[in-house]
Amino acid sequence: MKDKNRKGKFLHILGIVMQTIGYLLLIGVVSAFFGDGGSTDWSGIGFGLVGLTALIVVGTILTKKN
């Protein structure tokens, strides 16, 4: 019983950390987009968006599970 509670708390904290990283990456991408002077190569932005979306979604799922 104690191990299950411990695992649940760990997964909840992991979810919060993953969401935080995802949102910080999103803020960084948006900031780079608006502050771009035309010198940034945006060819790999699709992979970045998939990665930050996955972090946010998985983090949300982990925080909702009990």
Protein backbone atom coordinates (compact mmCIF):
# COMPACT_ATOMS: atom_id res chain seq x y z
CA MET A 1 0.00 0.00 0.00
CA LYS A 2 2.79 2.38 0.92
CA ASP A 3 4.71 1.59 -2.29
CA LYS A 4 1.66 2.31 -4.45
CA ASN A 5 1.20 5.70 -2.77
CA ARG A 6 4.89 6.43 -3.20
CA LYS A 7 4.77 5.49 -6.89
CA GLY A 8 1.69 7.67 -7.41
CA LYS A 9 3.37 10.68 -5.84
CA PHE A 10 6.50 10.13 -7.94
CA LEU A 11 4.47 9.92 -11.17
CA HIS A 12 2.53 13.04 -10.22
CA ILE A 13 5.74 15.00 -9.63
CA LEU A 14 7.24 13.60 -12.84
CA GLY A 15 4.15 14.78 -14.72
CA ILE A 16 4.48 18.28 -13.30
CA VAL A 17 8.16 18.40 -14.26
CA MET A 18 7.40 17.18 -17.80
CA GLN A 19 4.66 19.78 -18.22
CA THR A 20 6.96 22.52 -16.97
CA ILE A 21 9.69 21.56 -19.44
CA GLY A 22 7.16 21.39 -22.27
CA TYR A 23 5.70 24.82 -21.50
CA LEU A 24 9.17 26.36 -21.14
CA LEU A 25 10.10 24.94 -24.54
CA LEU A 26 6.90 26.38 -26.00
CA ILE A 27 7.71 29.79 -24.56
CA GLY A 28 11.22 29.53 -26.01
CA VAL A 29 9.94 28.62 -29.48
CA VAL A 30 7.41 31.44 -29.51
CA SER A 31 10.01 33.90 -28.23
CA ALA A 32 12.51 32.79 -30.87
CA PHE A 33 9.86 33.07 -33.57
CA PHE A 34 8.93 36.65 -32.67
CA GLY A 35 12.51 37.72 -31.99
CA ASP A 36 13.84 36.16 -35.19
CA GLY A 37 15.70 38.53 -37.44
CA GLY A 38 15.56 36.17 -40.39
CA SER A 39 18.71 34.24 -39.53
CA THR A 40 17.11 31.20 -37.88
CA ASP A 41 16.73 27.93 -39.77
CA TRP A 42 13.22 26.71 -38.95
CA SER A 43 13.46 23.43 -40.90
CA GLY A 44 13.38 21.27 -37.74
CA ILE A 45 10.55 23.03 -35.95
CA GLY A 46 8.16 20.12 -36.59
CA PHE A 47 10.24 17.77 -34.44
CA GLY A 48 10.43 20.38 -31.70
CA LEU A 49 6.69 20.94 -31.71
CA VAL A 50 6.03 17.20 -31.57
CA GLY A 51 8.46 16.87 -28.66
CA LEU A 52 7.06 19.70 -26.59
CA THR A 53 3.49 18.59 -27.31
CA ALA A 54 4.36 15.07 -26.17
CA LEU A 55 5.90 16.42 -22.96
CA ILE A 56 2.82 18.48 -22.18
CA VAL A 57 0.32 15.70 -23.02
CA VAL A 58 2.16 12.93 -21.16
CA GLY A 59 2.74 15.25 -18.20
CA THR A 60 -0.96 16.06 -18.10
CA ILE A 61 -1.88 12.36 -18.23
CA LEU A 62 0.52 11.56 -15.39
CA THR A 63 -0.85 14.30 -13.18
CA LYS A 64 -4.48 13.24 -13.77
CA LYS A 65 -3.91 9.56 -12.87
CA ASN A 66 -4.39 8.51 -9.28
